[in-house]
Amino acid sequence: MIQVRCPYCDALLPEQEFAYAGQAHIARPEDPSAETDEAWRDYLYIRSNTRGLHKERWRHVHGCGRFFNAIRDTVSDRIQETYRMFETPAGGSADE
């Protein structure tokens, strides 16, 4: 079972309290009307499938209801760190 710490509630809880919400730090196109169909496809559906550390967005559904980011090791399935939206992780850059 994955244990997740909500950075807002500061509570370490089982993953059933949370919902996975996709890859973190995906930049929305600045001018959506100028994008091609292929660019929209890539923005909406193409994501990294990283082996190792992966930055993800989660939501504390059965608690405060807030979204936050997590760094999860996809090999061990352990969450290394959680941090609030729009913050930089302790390990460095928010970029993938």
PDB file of N, CA and C in Angstrom:
ATOM      1  N   MET A   1       0.840  -1.176   0.000  1.00  0.00           N
ATOM      2  CA  MET A   1       0.000   0.000   0.000  1.00  0.00           C
ATOM      3  C   MET A   1       0.890   1.246   0.000  1.00  0.00           C
ATOM      4  N   ILE A   2       0.551   2.194  -0.846  1.00  0.00           N
ATOM      5  CA  ILE A   2       1.286   3.446  -0.906  1.00  0.00           C
ATOM      6  C   ILE A   2       0.811   4.355   0.231  1.00  0.00           C
ATOM      7  N   GLN A   3       1.753   4.962   0.923  1.00  0.00           N
ATOM      8  CA  GLN A   3       1.445   5.958   1.947  1.00  0.00           C
ATOM      9  C   GLN A   3       1.724   7.336   1.349  1.00  0.00           C
ATOM     10  N   VAL A   4       0.764   8.235   1.467  1.00  0.00           N
ATOM     11  CA  VAL A   4       0.868   9.565   0.869  1.00  0.00           C
ATOM     12  C   VAL A   4       0.732  10.610   1.966  1.00  0.00           C
ATOM     13  N   ARG A   5       1.623  11.597   1.945  1.00  0.00           N
ATOM     14  CA  ARG A   5       1.540  12.705   2.898  1.00  0.00           C
ATOM     15  C   ARG A   5       0.952  13.913   2.174  1.00  0.00           C
ATOM     16  N   CYS A   6      -0.191  14.400   2.667  1.00  0.00           N
ATOM     17  CA  CYS A   6      -0.785  15.617   2.114  1.00  0.00           C
ATOM     18  C   CYS A   6       0.024  16.806   2.632  1.00  0.00           C
ATOM     19  N   PRO A   7       0.578  17.626   1.740  1.00  0.00           N
ATOM     20  CA  PRO A   7       1.382  18.757   2.202  1.00  0.00           C
ATOM     21  C   PRO A   7       0.548  19.884   2.822  1.00  0.00           C
ATOM     22  N   TYR A   8      -0.763  19.847   2.643  1.00  0.00           N
ATOM     23  CA  TYR A   8      -1.632  20.859   3.241  1.00  0.00           C
ATOM     24  C   TYR A   8      -2.099  20.431   4.635  1.00  0.00           C
ATOM     25  N   CYS A   9      -2.528  19.175   4.765  1.00  0.00           N
ATOM     26  CA  CYS A   9      -3.009  18.654   6.054  1.00  0.00           C
ATOM     27  C   CYS A   9      -1.860  18.136   6.925  1.00  0.00           C
ATOM     28  N   ASP A  10      -0.723  17.851   6.298  1.00  0.00           N
ATOM     29  CA  ASP A  10       0.440  17.239   6.946  1.00  0.00           C
ATOM     30  C   ASP A  10       0.056  15.917   7.602  1.00  0.00           C
ATOM     31  N   ALA A  11      -0.723  15.125   6.869  1.00  0.00           N
ATOM     32  CA  ALA A  11      -1.160  13.819   7.362  1.00  0.00           C
ATOM     33  C   ALA A  11      -0.642  12.730   6.431  1.00  0.00           C
ATOM     34  N   LEU A  12      -0.075  11.671   6.992  1.00  0.00           N
ATOM     35  CA  LEU A  12       0.384  10.508   6.232  1.00  0.00           C
ATOM     36  C   LEU A  12      -0.739   9.482   6.239  1.00  0.00           C
ATOM     37  N   LEU A  13      -1.304   9.229   5.052  1.00  0.00           N
ATOM     38  CA  LEU A  13      -2.508   8.394   4.946  1.00  0.00           C
ATOM     39  C   LEU A  13      -2.364   7.395   3.806  1.00  0.00           C
ATOM     40  N   PRO A  14      -3.178   6.327   3.804  1.00  0.00           N
ATOM     41  CA  PRO A  14      -3.127   5.365   2.704  1.00  0.00           C
ATOM     42  C   PRO A  14      -3.649   5.996   1.413  1.00  0.00           C
ATOM     43  N   GLU A  15      -3.188   5.457   0.292  1.00  0.00           N
ATOM     44  CA  GLU A  15      -3.517   6.035  -1.012  1.00  0.00           C
ATOM     45  C   GLU A  15      -5.014   6.081  -1.308  1.00  0.00           C
ATOM     46  N   GLN A  16      -5.831   5.282  -0.627  1.00  0.00           N
ATOM     47  CA  GLN A  16      -7.277   5.298  -0.857  1.00  0.00           C
ATOM     48  C   GLN A  16      -7.902   6.644  -0.504  1.00  0.00           C
ATOM     49  N   GLU A  17      -7.200   7.452   0.280  1.00  0.00           N
ATOM     50  CA  GLU A  17      -7.673   8.793   0.639  1.00  0.00           C
ATOM     51  C   GLU A  17      -7.479   9.793  -0.504  1.00  0.00           C
ATOM     52  N   PHE A  18      -6.715   9.384  -1.531  1.00  0.00           N
ATOM     53  CA  PHE A  18      -6.274  10.306  -2.576  1.00  0.00           C
ATOM     54  C   PHE A  18      -6.686   9.803  -3.956  1.00  0.00           C
ATOM     55  N   ALA A  19      -6.608  10.698  -4.936  1.00  0.00           N
ATOM     56  CA  ALA A  19      -6.851  10.332  -6.332  1.00  0.00           C
ATOM     57  C   ALA A  19      -5.678  10.817  -7.167  1.00  0.00           C
ATOM     58  N   TYR A  20      -5.174   9.930  -8.005  1.00  0.00           N
ATOM     59  CA  TYR A  20      -4.109  10.277  -8.943  1.00  0.00           C
ATOM     60  C   TYR A  20      -4.693  11.190 -10.012  1.00  0.00           C
ATOM     61  N   ALA A  21      -3.978  12.252 -10.376  1.00  0.00           N
ATOM     62  CA  ALA A  21      -4.522  13.212 -11.336  1.00  0.00           C
ATOM     63  C   ALA A  21      -3.584  13.481 -12.502  1.00  0.00           C
ATOM     64  N   GLY A  22      -2.669  12.553 -12.789  1.00  0.00           N
ATOM     65  CA  GLY A  22      -1.826  12.676 -13.974  1.00  0.00           C
ATOM     66  C   GLY A  22      -0.448  13.256 -13.710  1.00  0.00           C
ATOM     67  N   GLN A  23       0.277  13.440 -14.795  1.00  0.00           N
ATOM     68  CA  GLN A  23       1.630  13.963 -14.733  1.00  0.00           C
ATOM     69  C   GLN A  23       1.605  15.431 -14.320  1.00  0.00           C
ATOM     70  N   ALA A  24       2.544  15.822 -13.476  1.00  0.00           N
ATOM     71  CA  ALA A  24       2.609  17.206 -12.991  1.00  0.00           C
ATOM     72  C   ALA A  24       3.415  18.082 -13.955  1.00  0.00           C
ATOM     73  N   HIS A  25       3.223  19.369 -13.819  1.00  0.00           N
ATOM     74  CA  HIS A  25       4.015  20.396 -14.512  1.00  0.00           C
ATOM     75  C   HIS A  25       3.879  20.344 -16.027  1.00  0.00           C
ATOM     76  N   ILE A  26       2.649  20.132 -16.519  1.00  0.00           N
ATOM     77  CA  ILE A  26       2.377  20.162 -17.943  1.00  0.00           C
ATOM     78  C   ILE A  26       1.959  21.589 -18.297  1.00  0.00           C
ATOM     79  N   ALA A  27       2.717  22.226 -19.174  1.00  0.00           N
ATOM     80  CA  ALA A  27       2.441  23.628 -19.537  1.00  0.00           C
ATOM     81  C   ALA A  27       1.360  23.696 -20.613  1.00  0.00           C
ATOM     82  N   ARG A  28       0.328  24.480 -20.344  1.00  0.00           N
ATOM     83  CA  ARG A  28      -0.750  24.690 -21.317  1.00  0.00           C
ATOM     84  C   ARG A  28      -0.230  25.599 -22.427  1.00  0.00           C
ATOM     85  N   PRO A  29      -0.627  25.354 -23.686  1.00  0.00           N
ATOM     86  CA  PRO A  29      -0.188  26.227 -24.785  1.00  0.00           C
ATOM     87  C   PRO A  29      -0.611  27.683 -24.547  1.00  0.00           C
ATOM     88  N   GLU A  30       0.279  28.611 -24.858  1.00  0.00           N
ATOM     89  CA  GLU A  30      -0.016  30.035 -24.630  1.00  0.00           C
ATOM     90  C   GLU A  30      -1.120  30.551 -25.545  1.00  0.00           C
ATOM     91  N   ASP A  31      -1.144  30.098 -26.799  1.00  0.00           N
ATOM     92  CA  ASP A  31      -2.170  30.519 -27.749  1.00  0.00           C
ATOM     93  C   ASP A  31      -2.863  29.272 -28.292  1.00  0.00           C
ATOM     94  N   PRO A  32      -3.880  28.784 -27.576  1.00  0.00           N
ATOM     95  CA  PRO A  32      -4.523  27.524 -27.978  1.00  0.00           C
ATOM     96  C   PRO A  32      -5.083  27.531 -29.395  1.00  0.00           C
ATOM     97  N   SER A  33      -5.599  28.662 -29.868  1.00  0.00           N
ATOM     98  CA  SER A  33      -6.197  28.702 -31.202  1.00  0.00           C
ATOM     99  C   SER A  33      -5.155  28.575 -32.312  1.00  0.00           C
ATOM    100  N   ALA A  34      -3.887  28.806 -32.008  1.00  0.00           N
ATOM    101  CA  ALA A  34      -2.825  28.709 -33.011  1.00  0.00           C
ATOM    102  C   ALA A  34      -2.216  27.310 -33.093  1.00  0.00           C
ATOM    103  N   GLU A  35      -2.618  26.414 -32.210  1.00  0.00           N
ATOM    104  CA  GLU A  35      -2.020  25.078 -32.164  1.00  0.00           C
ATOM    105  C   GLU A  35      -2.604  24.152 -33.225  1.00  0.00           C
ATOM    106  N   THR A  36      -1.786  23.267 -33.725  1.00  0.00           N
ATOM    107  CA  THR A  36      -2.239  22.262 -34.686  1.00  0.00           C
ATOM    108  C   THR A  36      -2.944  21.129 -33.937  1.00  0.00           C
ATOM    109  N   ASP A  37      -3.635  20.293 -34.698  1.00  0.00           N
ATOM    110  CA  ASP A  37      -4.282  19.124 -34.089  1.00  0.00           C
ATOM    111  C   ASP A  37      -3.258  18.213 -33.438  1.00  0.00           C
ATOM    112  N   GLU A  38      -2.110  18.062 -34.061  1.00  0.00           N
ATOM    113  CA  GLU A  38      -1.061  17.202 -33.512  1.00  0.00           C
ATOM    114  C   GLU A  38      -0.527  17.770 -32.197  1.00  0.00           C
ATOM    115  N   ALA A  39      -0.374  19.090 -32.118  1.00  0.00           N
ATOM    116  CA  ALA A  39       0.104  19.720 -30.880  1.00  0.00           C
ATOM    117  C   ALA A  39      -0.914  19.531 -29.756  1.00  0.00           C
ATOM    118  N   TRP A  40      -2.216  19.636 -30.094  1.00  0.00           N
ATOM    119  CA  TRP A  40      -3.246  19.412 -29.071  1.00  0.00           C
ATOM    120  C   TRP A  40      -3.267  17.963 -28.615  1.00  0.00           C
ATOM    121  N   ARG A  41      -3.108  17.039 -29.575  1.00  0.00           N
ATOM    122  CA  ARG A  41      -3.036  15.630 -29.220  1.00  0.00           C
ATOM    123  C   ARG A  41      -1.891  15.394 -28.237  1.00  0.00           C
ATOM    124  N   ASP A  42      -0.727  15.946 -28.545  1.00  0.00           N
ATOM    125  CA  ASP A  42       0.431  15.769 -27.662  1.00  0.00           C
ATOM    126  C   ASP A  42       0.181  16.381 -26.293  1.00  0.00           C
ATOM    127  N   TYR A  43      -0.417  17.565 -26.254  1.00  0.00           N
ATOM    128  CA  TYR A  43      -0.694  18.223 -24.975  1.00  0.00           C
ATOM    129  C   TYR A  43      -1.681  17.410 -24.127  1.00  0.00           C
ATOM    130  N   LEU A  44      -2.708  16.886 -24.753  1.00  0.00           N
ATOM    131  CA  LEU A  44      -3.757  16.185 -24.005  1.00  0.00           C
ATOM    132  C   LEU A  44      -3.414  14.744 -23.638  1.00  0.00           C
ATOM    133  N   TYR A  45      -2.692  14.047 -24.493  1.00  0.00           N
ATOM    134  CA  TYR A  45      -2.558  12.606 -24.310  1.00  0.00           C
ATOM    135  C   TYR A  45      -1.139  12.060 -24.145  1.00  0.00           C
ATOM    136  N   ILE A  46      -0.143  12.740 -24.661  1.00  0.00           N
ATOM    137  CA  ILE A  46       1.212  12.189 -24.631  1.00  0.00           C
ATOM    138  C   ILE A  46       1.888  12.590 -23.326  1.00  0.00           C
ATOM    139  N   ARG A  47       2.272  11.585 -22.553  1.00  0.00           N
ATOM    140  CA  ARG A  47       2.903  11.813 -21.255  1.00  0.00           C
ATOM    141  C   ARG A  47       4.156  10.971 -21.132  1.00  0.00           C
ATOM    142  N   SER A  48       5.025  11.382 -20.219  1.00  0.00           N
ATOM    143  CA  SER A  48       6.235  10.613 -19.942  1.00  0.00           C
ATOM    144  C   SER A  48       5.851   9.301 -19.278  1.00  0.00           C
ATOM    145  N   ASN A  49       6.591   8.275 -19.583  1.00  0.00           N
ATOM    146  CA  ASN A  49       6.406   6.987 -18.931  1.00  0.00           C
ATOM    147  C   ASN A  49       7.752   6.635 -18.305  1.00  0.00           C
ATOM    148  N   THR A  50       8.115   7.412 -17.311  1.00  0.00           N
ATOM    149  CA  THR A  50       9.438   7.360 -16.720  1.00  0.00           C
ATOM    150  C   THR A  50       9.641   6.133 -15.848  1.00  0.00           C
ATOM    151  N   ARG A  51      10.817   5.544 -15.954  1.00  0.00           N
ATOM    152  CA  ARG A  51      11.230   4.485 -15.025  1.00  0.00           C
ATOM    153  C   ARG A  51      12.094   5.175 -13.991  1.00  0.00           C
ATOM    154  N   GLY A  52      11.628   5.175 -12.764  1.00  0.00           N
ATOM    155  CA  GLY A  52      12.341   5.877 -11.697  1.00  0.00           C
ATOM    156  C   GLY A  52      11.485   7.015 -11.168  1.00  0.00           C
ATOM    157  N   LEU A  53      12.109   8.129 -10.854  1.00  0.00           N
ATOM    158  CA  LEU A  53      11.382   9.256 -10.263  1.00  0.00           C
ATOM    159  C   LEU A  53      10.501   9.949 -11.289  1.00  0.00           C
ATOM    160  N   HIS A  54       9.245  10.168 -10.900  1.00  0.00           N
ATOM    161  CA  HIS A  54       8.239  10.747 -11.792  1.00  0.00           C
ATOM    162  C   HIS A  54       7.426  11.760 -11.003  1.00  0.00           C
ATOM    163  N   LYS A  55       7.234  12.956 -11.567  1.00  0.00           N
ATOM    164  CA  LYS A  55       6.453  14.006 -10.893  1.00  0.00           C
ATOM    165  C   LYS A  55       4.992  13.880 -11.300  1.00  0.00           C
ATOM    166  N   GLU A  56       4.132  13.781 -10.286  1.00  0.00           N
ATOM    167  CA  GLU A  56       2.709  13.535 -10.506  1.00  0.00           C
ATOM    168  C   GLU A  56       1.852  14.531  -9.728  1.00  0.00           C
ATOM    169  N   ARG A  57       0.608  14.665 -10.185  1.00  0.00           N
ATOM    170  CA  ARG A  57      -0.367  15.482  -9.471  1.00  0.00           C
ATOM    171  C   ARG A  57      -1.337  14.532  -8.768  1.00  0.00           C
ATOM    172  N   TRP A  58      -1.662  14.834  -7.519  1.00  0.00           N
ATOM    173  CA  TRP A  58      -2.598  14.045  -6.723  1.00  0.00           C
ATOM    174  C   TRP A  58      -3.619  14.986  -6.090  1.00  0.00           C
ATOM    175  N   ARG A  59      -4.734  14.427  -5.633  1.00  0.00           N
ATOM    176  CA  ARG A  59      -5.770  15.207  -4.936  1.00  0.00           C
ATOM    177  C   ARG A  59      -6.170  14.474  -3.665  1.00  0.00           C
ATOM    178  N   HIS A  60      -6.261  15.212  -2.566  1.00  0.00           N
ATOM    179  CA  HIS A  60      -6.669  14.641  -1.280  1.00  0.00           C
ATOM    180  C   HIS A  60      -8.205  14.632  -1.245  1.00  0.00           C
ATOM    181  N   VAL A  61      -8.787  13.649  -1.890  1.00  0.00           N
ATOM    182  CA  VAL A  61     -10.238  13.571  -2.092  1.00  0.00           C
ATOM    183  C   VAL A  61     -10.999  13.472  -0.772  1.00  0.00           C
ATOM    184  N   HIS A  62     -10.560  12.595   0.130  1.00  0.00           N
ATOM    185  CA  HIS A  62     -11.292  12.354   1.383  1.00  0.00           C
ATOM    186  C   HIS A  62     -10.721  13.176   2.535  1.00  0.00           C
ATOM    187  N   GLY A  63     -10.180  14.322   2.210  1.00  0.00           N
ATOM    188  CA  GLY A  63      -9.620  15.206   3.233  1.00  0.00           C
ATOM    189  C   GLY A  63      -9.899  16.641   2.842  1.00  0.00           C
ATOM    190  N   CYS A  64      -8.836  17.407   2.638  1.00  0.00           N
ATOM    191  CA  CYS A  64      -8.979  18.840   2.348  1.00  0.00           C
ATOM    192  C   CYS A  64      -9.457  19.115   0.923  1.00  0.00           C
ATOM    193  N   GLY A  65      -9.362  18.121   0.021  1.00  0.00           N
ATOM    194  CA  GLY A  65      -9.833  18.289  -1.349  1.00  0.00           C
ATOM    195  C   GLY A  65      -8.858  19.008  -2.267  1.00  0.00           C
ATOM    196  N   ARG A  66      -7.684  19.353  -1.778  1.00  0.00           N
ATOM    197  CA  ARG A  66      -6.729  20.124  -2.569  1.00  0.00           C
ATOM    198  C   ARG A  66      -5.847  19.237  -3.446  1.00  0.00           C
ATOM    199  N   PHE A  67      -5.410  19.834  -4.567  1.00  0.00           N
ATOM    200  CA  PHE A  67      -4.434  19.192  -5.437  1.00  0.00           C
ATOM    201  C   PHE A  67      -3.044  19.513  -4.924  1.00  0.00           C
ATOM    202  N   PHE A  68      -2.118  18.578  -5.125  1.00  0.00           N
ATOM    203  CA  PHE A  68      -0.718  18.793  -4.774  1.00  0.00           C
ATOM    204  C   PHE A  68       0.130  17.921  -5.691  1.00  0.00           C
ATOM    205  N   ASN A  69       1.434  18.126  -5.647  1.00  0.00           N
ATOM    206  CA  ASN A  69       2.354  17.361  -6.476  1.00  0.00           C
ATOM    207  C   ASN A  69       3.126  16.366  -5.626  1.00  0.00           C
ATOM    208  N   ALA A  70       3.541  15.285  -6.269  1.00  0.00           N
ATOM    209  CA  ALA A  70       4.319  14.251  -5.589  1.00  0.00           C
ATOM    210  C   ALA A  70       5.413  13.764  -6.523  1.00  0.00           C
ATOM    211  N   ILE A  71       6.501  13.337  -5.934  1.00  0.00           N
ATOM    212  CA  ILE A  71       7.553  12.659  -6.691  1.00  0.00           C
ATOM    213  C   ILE A  71       7.511  11.206  -6.262  1.00  0.00           C
ATOM    214  N   ARG A  72       7.183  10.323  -7.235  1.00  0.00           N
ATOM    215  CA  ARG A  72       7.020   8.902  -6.941  1.00  0.00           C
ATOM    216  C   ARG A  72       8.033   8.098  -7.739  1.00  0.00           C
ATOM    217  N   ASP A  73       8.625   7.117  -7.094  1.00  0.00           N
ATOM    218  CA  ASP A  73       9.527   6.192  -7.767  1.00  0.00           C
ATOM    219  C   ASP A  73       8.662   5.104  -8.393  1.00  0.00           C
ATOM    220  N   THR A  74       8.647   5.033  -9.710  1.00  0.00           N
ATOM    221  CA  THR A  74       7.776   4.080 -10.393  1.00  0.00           C
ATOM    222  C   THR A  74       8.286   2.645 -10.292  1.00  0.00           C
ATOM    223  N   VAL A  75       9.529   2.462  -9.862  1.00  0.00           N
ATOM    224  CA  VAL A  75      10.071   1.114  -9.690  1.00  0.00           C
ATOM    225  C   VAL A  75       9.624   0.532  -8.349  1.00  0.00           C
ATOM    226  N   SER A  76       9.808   1.292  -7.277  1.00  0.00           N
ATOM    227  CA  SER A  76       9.436   0.810  -5.937  1.00  0.00           C
ATOM    228  C   SER A  76       8.004   1.184  -5.561  1.00  0.00           C
ATOM    229  N   ASP A  77       7.393   2.092  -6.317  1.00  0.00           N
ATOM    230  CA  ASP A  77       6.041   2.594  -6.068  1.00  0.00           C
ATOM    231  C   ASP A  77       5.947   3.347  -4.737  1.00  0.00           C
ATOM    232  N   ARG A  78       7.046   3.963  -4.328  1.00  0.00           N
ATOM    233  CA  ARG A  78       7.056   4.750  -3.095  1.00  0.00           C
ATOM    234  C   ARG A  78       7.100   6.230  -3.431  1.00  0.00           C
ATOM    235  N   ILE A  79       6.362   7.002  -2.663  1.00  0.00           N
ATOM    236  CA  ILE A  79       6.374   8.450  -2.841  1.00  0.00           C
ATOM    237  C   ILE A  79       7.529   9.024  -2.039  1.00  0.00           C
ATOM    238  N   GLN A  80       8.422   9.700  -2.752  1.00  0.00           N
ATOM    239  CA  GLN A  80       9.620  10.255  -2.143  1.00  0.00           C
ATOM    240  C   GLN A  80       9.339  11.599  -1.467  1.00  0.00           C
ATOM    241  N   GLU A  81       8.474  12.389  -2.092  1.00  0.00           N
ATOM    242  CA  GLU A  81       8.216  13.746  -1.584  1.00  0.00           C
ATOM    243  C   GLU A  81       6.870  14.232  -2.098  1.00  0.00           C
ATOM    244  N   THR A  82       6.187  15.039  -1.299  1.00  0.00           N
ATOM    245  CA  THR A  82       4.995  15.756  -1.756  1.00  0.00           C
ATOM    246  C   THR A  82       5.218  17.234  -1.500  1.00  0.00           C
ATOM    247  N   TYR A  83       4.622  18.053  -2.349  1.00  0.00           N
ATOM    248  CA  TYR A  83       4.765  19.494  -2.191  1.00  0.00           C
ATOM    249  C   TYR A  83       3.540  20.200  -2.776  1.00  0.00           C
ATOM    250  N   ARG A  84       3.296  21.392  -2.270  1.00  0.00           N
ATOM    251  CA  ARG A  84       2.109  22.150  -2.671  1.00  0.00           C
ATOM    252  C   ARG A  84       2.191  22.599  -4.126  1.00  0.00           C
ATOM    253  N   MET A  85       1.020  22.837  -4.692  1.00  0.00           N
ATOM    254  CA  MET A  85       0.957  23.347  -6.058  1.00  0.00           C
ATOM    255  C   MET A  85       1.730  24.661  -6.144  1.00  0.00           C
ATOM    256  N   PHE A  86       2.397  24.870  -7.250  1.00  0.00           N
ATOM    257  CA  PHE A  86       3.158  26.082  -7.548  1.00  0.00           C
ATOM    258  C   PHE A  86       4.383  26.268  -6.656  1.00  0.00           C
ATOM    259  N   GLU A  87       4.777  25.223  -5.942  1.00  0.00           N
ATOM    260  CA  GLU A  87       6.024  25.260  -5.174  1.00  0.00           C
ATOM    261  C   GLU A  87       7.047  24.383  -5.874  1.00  0.00           C
ATOM    262  N   THR A  88       8.307  24.592  -5.542  1.00  0.00           N
ATOM    263  CA  THR A  88       9.393  23.787  -6.071  1.00  0.00           C
ATOM    264  C   THR A  88       9.698  22.682  -5.074  1.00  0.00           C
ATOM    265  N   PRO A  89       9.902  21.458  -5.550  1.00  0.00           N
ATOM    266  CA  PRO A  89      10.239  20.382  -4.624  1.00  0.00           C
ATOM    267  C   PRO A  89      11.582  20.631  -3.936  1.00  0.00           C
ATOM    268  N   ALA A  90      11.761  20.040  -2.774  1.00  0.00           N
ATOM    269  CA  ALA A  90      13.008  20.220  -2.027  1.00  0.00           C
ATOM    270  C   ALA A  90      14.211  19.735  -2.820  1.00  0.00           C
ATOM    271  N   GLY A  91      13.999  18.750  -3.699  1.00  0.00           N
ATOM    272  CA  GLY A  91      15.088  18.186  -4.486  1.00  0.00           C
ATOM    273  C   GLY A  91      15.510  19.041  -5.659  1.00  0.00           C
ATOM    274  N   GLY A  92      14.862  20.176  -5.914  1.00  0.00           N
ATOM    275  CA  GLY A  92      15.300  21.023  -7.030  1.00  0.00           C
ATOM    276  C   GLY A  92      14.160  21.487  -7.916  1.00  0.00           C
ATOM    277  N   SER A  93      14.376  21.402  -9.202  1.00  0.00           N
ATOM    278  CA  SER A  93      13.490  21.974 -10.226  1.00  0.00           C
ATOM    279  C   SER A  93      12.134  21.274 -10.283  1.00  0.00           C
ATOM    280  N   ALA A  94      11.113  22.048 -10.599  1.00  0.00           N
ATOM    281  CA  ALA A  94       9.775  21.492 -10.795  1.00  0.00           C
ATOM    282  C   ALA A  94       9.613  20.922 -12.204  1.00  0.00           C
ATOM    283  N   ASP A  95      10.532  21.240 -13.107  1.00  0.00           N
ATOM    284  CA  ASP A  95      10.455  20.747 -14.486  1.00  0.00           C
ATOM    285  C   ASP A  95      10.758  19.266 -14.538  1.00  0.00           C
ATOM    286  N   GLU A  96      10.174  18.598 -15.527  1.00  0.00           N
ATOM    287  CA  GLU A  96      10.438  17.159 -15.732  1.00  0.00           C
ATOM    288  C   GLU A  96      11.817  16.978 -16.283  1.00  0.00           C
TER     289      GLU A  96
END
